[in-house]
C-alpha cells in the first residue's frame, strides 16, 4: 500500500500566486486551486497546501473559522486524495462557515477529483464565430 504524501503549508505570496495559475474547481463549500510544482532533484514527494478567505466572507472571526474548518477537512481528505508534487490552495466561501461537515468533506473530495481530471477538448469558439455569420446584428446606415 502506498504511503500518504508529506503535507506541508504554503507560506509566501509567490507560492499562492503560482498556484493560482493552475487548475481550479469551485464547489459550494470552497474553491480549490491546484498546480504541479516543477521537478527539482532534491524535492521529495511532498504536498503543499495553503488556505485563504477573503474579507467578502465576513469579519476576522468568520474568516478564521472558515480557515480552521478547511484545515480540518484537509487533514481528513488530502492524505488519501492528494497527489505528490502538487500545491493546493483552498479558498473559503461564505457557505464554508456553516456548511454541514460531511458536505464540506464531499466538496473537497470532488474538487480534488476534478482538478486532476484531464481537460476535455472543447471546440475552438473562435473558429465557430469566424465561419458562421452573425444573424440579426447588421449595421444600418
C-alpha atoms as a PDB file:
ATOM      1  CA  UNK A   1       0.000   0.000   0.000  1.00  0.00           C
ATOM      2  CA  UNK A   2       1.462   3.407  -0.956  1.00  0.00           C
ATOM      3  CA  UNK A   3       2.200   5.760   1.890  1.00  0.00           C
ATOM      4  CA  UNK A   4       0.408   9.065   2.099  1.00  0.00           C
ATOM      5  CA  UNK A   5       2.443  12.067   0.963  1.00  0.00           C
ATOM      6  CA  UNK A   6       4.027  14.504   3.377  1.00  0.00           C
ATOM      7  CA  UNK A   7       1.787  17.559   3.745  1.00  0.00           C
ATOM      8  CA  UNK A   8       3.266  20.974   4.462  1.00  0.00           C
ATOM      9  CA  UNK A   9       1.991  24.540   4.422  1.00  0.00           C
ATOM     10  CA  UNK A  10       2.494  27.199   1.783  1.00  0.00           C
ATOM     11  CA  UNK A  11       3.519  30.445   3.436  1.00  0.00           C
ATOM     12  CA  UNK A  12       4.674  33.006   0.899  1.00  0.00           C
ATOM     13  CA  UNK A  13       2.663  35.086  -1.539  1.00  0.00           C
ATOM     14  CA  UNK A  14       4.599  33.917  -4.642  1.00  0.00           C
ATOM     15  CA  UNK A  15       3.644  30.306  -3.831  1.00  0.00           C
ATOM     16  CA  UNK A  16      -0.026  31.269  -3.736  1.00  0.00           C
ATOM     17  CA  UNK A  17       0.247  33.279  -6.960  1.00  0.00           C
ATOM     18  CA  UNK A  18       1.950  30.412  -8.812  1.00  0.00           C
ATOM     19  CA  UNK A  19      -0.765  28.006  -7.689  1.00  0.00           C
ATOM     20  CA  UNK A  20      -3.443  30.460  -8.836  1.00  0.00           C
ATOM     21  CA  UNK A  21      -2.185  29.994 -12.411  1.00  0.00           C
ATOM     22  CA  UNK A  22      -3.040  26.275 -12.253  1.00  0.00           C
ATOM     23  CA  UNK A  23      -6.294  24.354 -12.446  1.00  0.00           C
ATOM     24  CA  UNK A  24      -9.246  25.363 -10.303  1.00  0.00           C
ATOM     25  CA  UNK A  25     -12.611  23.928  -9.411  1.00  0.00           C
ATOM     26  CA  UNK A  26     -15.407  25.583  -7.438  1.00  0.00           C
ATOM     27  CA  UNK A  27     -17.916  23.705  -5.304  1.00  0.00           C
ATOM     28  CA  UNK A  28     -20.467  25.174  -2.877  1.00  0.00           C
ATOM     29  CA  UNK A  29     -18.167  24.921   0.140  1.00  0.00           C
ATOM     30  CA  UNK A  30     -14.841  26.044  -1.334  1.00  0.00           C
ATOM     31  CA  UNK A  31     -12.721  26.810  -4.367  1.00  0.00           C
ATOM     32  CA  UNK A  32      -9.705  24.563  -4.938  1.00  0.00           C
ATOM     33  CA  UNK A  33      -6.672  25.639  -6.957  1.00  0.00           C
ATOM     34  CA  UNK A  34      -4.000  23.087  -7.845  1.00  0.00           C
ATOM     35  CA  UNK A  35      -0.712  23.220  -9.722  1.00  0.00           C
ATOM     36  CA  UNK A  36       2.082  20.716 -10.128  1.00  0.00           C
ATOM     37  CA  UNK A  37       5.424  22.038  -8.960  1.00  0.00           C
ATOM     38  CA  UNK A  38       8.343  21.958 -11.375  1.00  0.00           C
ATOM     39  CA  UNK A  39      10.532  18.915 -10.776  1.00  0.00           C
ATOM     40  CA  UNK A  40      13.510  19.552  -8.591  1.00  0.00           C
ATOM     41  CA  UNK A  41      16.120  16.838  -7.911  1.00  0.00           C
ATOM     42  CA  UNK A  42      16.177  17.386  -4.146  1.00  0.00           C
ATOM     43  CA  UNK A  43      12.386  17.746  -3.898  1.00  0.00           C
ATOM     44  CA  UNK A  44      10.561  14.990  -2.042  1.00  0.00           C
ATOM     45  CA  UNK A  45       7.072  13.819  -2.888  1.00  0.00           C
ATOM     46  CA  UNK A  46       5.623  16.493  -0.680  1.00  0.00           C
ATOM     47  CA  UNK A  47       2.177  18.074  -0.959  1.00  0.00           C
ATOM     48  CA  UNK A  48       1.902  21.734  -0.029  1.00  0.00           C
ATOM     49  CA  UNK A  49      -1.370  23.364   0.922  1.00  0.00           C
ATOM     50  CA  UNK A  50      -2.475  26.915   1.647  1.00  0.00           C
ATOM     51  CA  UNK A  51      -5.698  28.415   2.944  1.00  0.00           C
ATOM     52  CA  UNK A  52      -7.334  31.766   2.358  1.00  0.00           C
ATOM     53  CA  UNK A  53     -10.630  33.530   2.960  1.00  0.00           C
ATOM     54  CA  UNK A  54     -11.360  36.993   1.618  1.00  0.00           C
ATOM     55  CA  UNK A  55     -12.965  39.823   3.541  1.00  0.00           C
ATOM     56  CA  UNK A  56     -16.112  39.254   1.471  1.00  0.00           C
ATOM     57  CA  UNK A  57     -16.768  36.122   3.560  1.00  0.00           C
ATOM     58  CA  UNK A  58     -17.069  38.047   6.818  1.00  0.00           C
ATOM     59  CA  UNK A  59     -15.170  39.574   9.701  1.00  0.00           C
ATOM     60  CA  UNK A  60     -11.974  38.123  11.207  1.00  0.00           C
ATOM     61  CA  UNK A  61     -13.838  35.686  13.446  1.00  0.00           C
ATOM     62  CA  UNK A  62     -15.743  34.240  10.484  1.00  0.00           C
ATOM     63  CA  UNK A  63     -12.641  34.069   8.262  1.00  0.00           C
ATOM     64  CA  UNK A  64     -10.642  32.295  10.966  1.00  0.00           C
ATOM     65  CA  UNK A  65     -13.384  29.729  11.489  1.00  0.00           C
ATOM     66  CA  UNK A  66     -13.598  29.134   7.739  1.00  0.00           C
ATOM     67  CA  UNK A  67      -9.841  28.507   7.588  1.00  0.00           C
ATOM     68  CA  UNK A  68      -9.976  26.211  10.651  1.00  0.00           C
ATOM     69  CA  UNK A  69     -12.702  24.134   9.005  1.00  0.00           C
ATOM     70  CA  UNK A  70     -10.717  23.934   5.757  1.00  0.00           C
ATOM     71  CA  UNK A  71      -7.583  22.849   7.652  1.00  0.00           C
ATOM     72  CA  UNK A  72      -9.516  20.127   9.466  1.00  0.00           C
ATOM     73  CA  UNK A  73     -11.074  18.915   6.209  1.00  0.00           C
ATOM     74  CA  UNK A  74      -7.674  18.681   4.523  1.00  0.00           C
ATOM     75  CA  UNK A  75      -6.331  16.600   7.418  1.00  0.00           C
ATOM     76  CA  UNK A  76      -9.021  14.023   6.655  1.00  0.00           C
ATOM     77  CA  UNK A  77      -9.188  14.140   2.851  1.00  0.00           C
ATOM     78  CA  UNK A  78      -5.751  15.098   1.492  1.00  0.00           C
ATOM     79  CA  UNK A  79      -3.681  12.144   2.770  1.00  0.00           C
ATOM     80  CA  UNK A  80      -5.717   9.773   0.590  1.00  0.00           C
ATOM     81  CA  UNK A  81      -6.596  12.023  -2.355  1.00  0.00           C
ATOM     82  CA  UNK A  82      -3.704  14.460  -2.880  1.00  0.00           C
ATOM     83  CA  UNK A  83      -1.041  13.842  -5.484  1.00  0.00           C
ATOM     84  CA  UNK A  84       2.611  14.191  -4.531  1.00  0.00           C
ATOM     85  CA  UNK A  85       4.394  17.159  -6.053  1.00  0.00           C
ATOM     86  CA  UNK A  86       1.273  19.342  -6.178  1.00  0.00           C
ATOM     87  CA  UNK A  87       0.453  22.613  -4.456  1.00  0.00           C
ATOM     88  CA  UNK A  88      -3.140  23.209  -3.401  1.00  0.00           C
ATOM     89  CA  UNK A  89      -4.862  26.411  -2.287  1.00  0.00           C
ATOM     90  CA  UNK A  90      -8.268  26.182  -0.637  1.00  0.00           C
ATOM     91  CA  UNK A  91     -10.285  29.368  -0.830  1.00  0.00           C
ATOM     92  CA  UNK A  92     -13.077  29.619   1.693  1.00  0.00           C
ATOM     93  CA  UNK A  93     -16.501  30.814   0.662  1.00  0.00           C
ATOM     94  CA  UNK A  94     -19.293  32.267   2.769  1.00  0.00           C
ATOM     95  CA  UNK A  95     -21.007  28.853   2.720  1.00  0.00           C
ATOM     96  CA  UNK A  96     -17.920  27.197   4.246  1.00  0.00           C
ATOM     97  CA  UNK A  97     -18.761  28.750   7.615  1.00  0.00           C
ATOM     98  CA  UNK A  98     -21.958  26.764   8.230  1.00  0.00           C
ATOM     99  CA  UNK A  99     -21.837  24.010   5.599  1.00  0.00           C
ATOM    100  CA  UNK A 100     -22.567  20.581   7.091  1.00  0.00           C
ATOM    101  CA  UNK A 101     -19.286  18.794   7.842  1.00  0.00           C
ATOM    102  CA  UNK A 102     -19.873  15.779   5.602  1.00  0.00           C
ATOM    103  CA  UNK A 103     -20.883  18.048   2.724  1.00  0.00           C
ATOM    104  CA  UNK A 104     -17.665  20.026   3.142  1.00  0.00           C
ATOM    105  CA  UNK A 105     -15.618  16.808   3.054  1.00  0.00           C
ATOM    106  CA  UNK A 106     -17.522  15.660  -0.050  1.00  0.00           C
ATOM    107  CA  UNK A 107     -16.930  19.054  -1.694  1.00  0.00           C
ATOM    108  CA  UNK A 108     -13.184  18.794  -1.114  1.00  0.00           C
ATOM    109  CA  UNK A 109     -13.063  15.215  -2.407  1.00  0.00           C
ATOM    110  CA  UNK A 110     -14.980  16.163  -5.556  1.00  0.00           C
ATOM    111  CA  UNK A 111     -12.827  19.230  -6.171  1.00  0.00           C
ATOM    112  CA  UNK A 112      -9.647  17.127  -5.865  1.00  0.00           C
ATOM    113  CA  UNK A 113     -11.004  14.628  -8.395  1.00  0.00           C
ATOM    114  CA  UNK A 114     -11.985  17.359 -10.834  1.00  0.00           C
ATOM    115  CA  UNK A 115      -8.701  19.290 -10.800  1.00  0.00           C
ATOM    116  CA  UNK A 116      -6.831  16.083 -11.621  1.00  0.00           C
ATOM    117  CA  UNK A 117      -9.087  15.001 -14.481  1.00  0.00           C
ATOM    118  CA  UNK A 118      -7.660  15.625 -17.925  1.00  0.00           C
ATOM    119  CA  UNK A 119      -9.172  18.652 -19.614  1.00  0.00           C
ATOM    120  CA  UNK A 120     -11.747  17.910 -22.271  1.00  0.00           C
ATOM    121  CA  UNK A 121     -11.007  19.346 -25.651  1.00  0.00           C
ATOM    122  CA  UNK A 122     -13.611  21.953 -26.389  1.00  0.00           C
ATOM    123  CA  UNK A 123     -14.358  23.108 -29.909  1.00  0.00           C
ATOM    124  CA  UNK A 124     -12.483  26.241 -30.743  1.00  0.00           C
ATOM    125  CA  UNK A 125     -15.029  29.010 -30.183  1.00  0.00           C
ATOM    126  CA  UNK A 126     -13.073  31.481 -32.313  1.00  0.00           C
ATOM    127  CA  UNK A 127     -13.244  29.144 -35.305  1.00  0.00           C
ATOM    128  CA  UNK A 128     -17.018  28.758 -34.909  1.00  0.00           C
ATOM    129  CA  UNK A 129     -17.509  32.548 -34.810  1.00  0.00           C
ATOM    130  CA  UNK A 130     -15.407  33.187 -37.881  1.00  0.00           C
ATOM    131  CA  UNK A 131     -17.122  30.560 -40.000  1.00  0.00           C
ATOM    132  CA  UNK A 132     -20.721  31.493 -39.155  1.00  0.00           C
ATOM    133  CA  UNK A 133     -22.051  34.991 -39.866  1.00  0.00           C
ATOM    134  CA  UNK A 134     -23.790  36.825 -37.065  1.00  0.00           C
ATOM    135  CA  UNK A 135     -27.510  36.998 -37.537  1.00  0.00           C
ATOM    136  CA  UNK A 136     -29.634  39.953 -36.581  1.00  0.00           C
ATOM    137  CA  UNK A 137     -26.725  42.244 -35.782  1.00  0.00           C
ATOM    138  CA  UNK A 138     -26.391  44.036 -39.087  1.00  0.00           C
ATOM    139  CA  UNK A 139     -25.474  47.712 -39.105  1.00  0.00           C
ATOM    140  CA  UNK A 140     -27.940  50.095 -40.762  1.00  0.00           C
ATOM    141  CA  UNK A 141     -26.758  53.391 -42.202  1.00  0.00           C
END
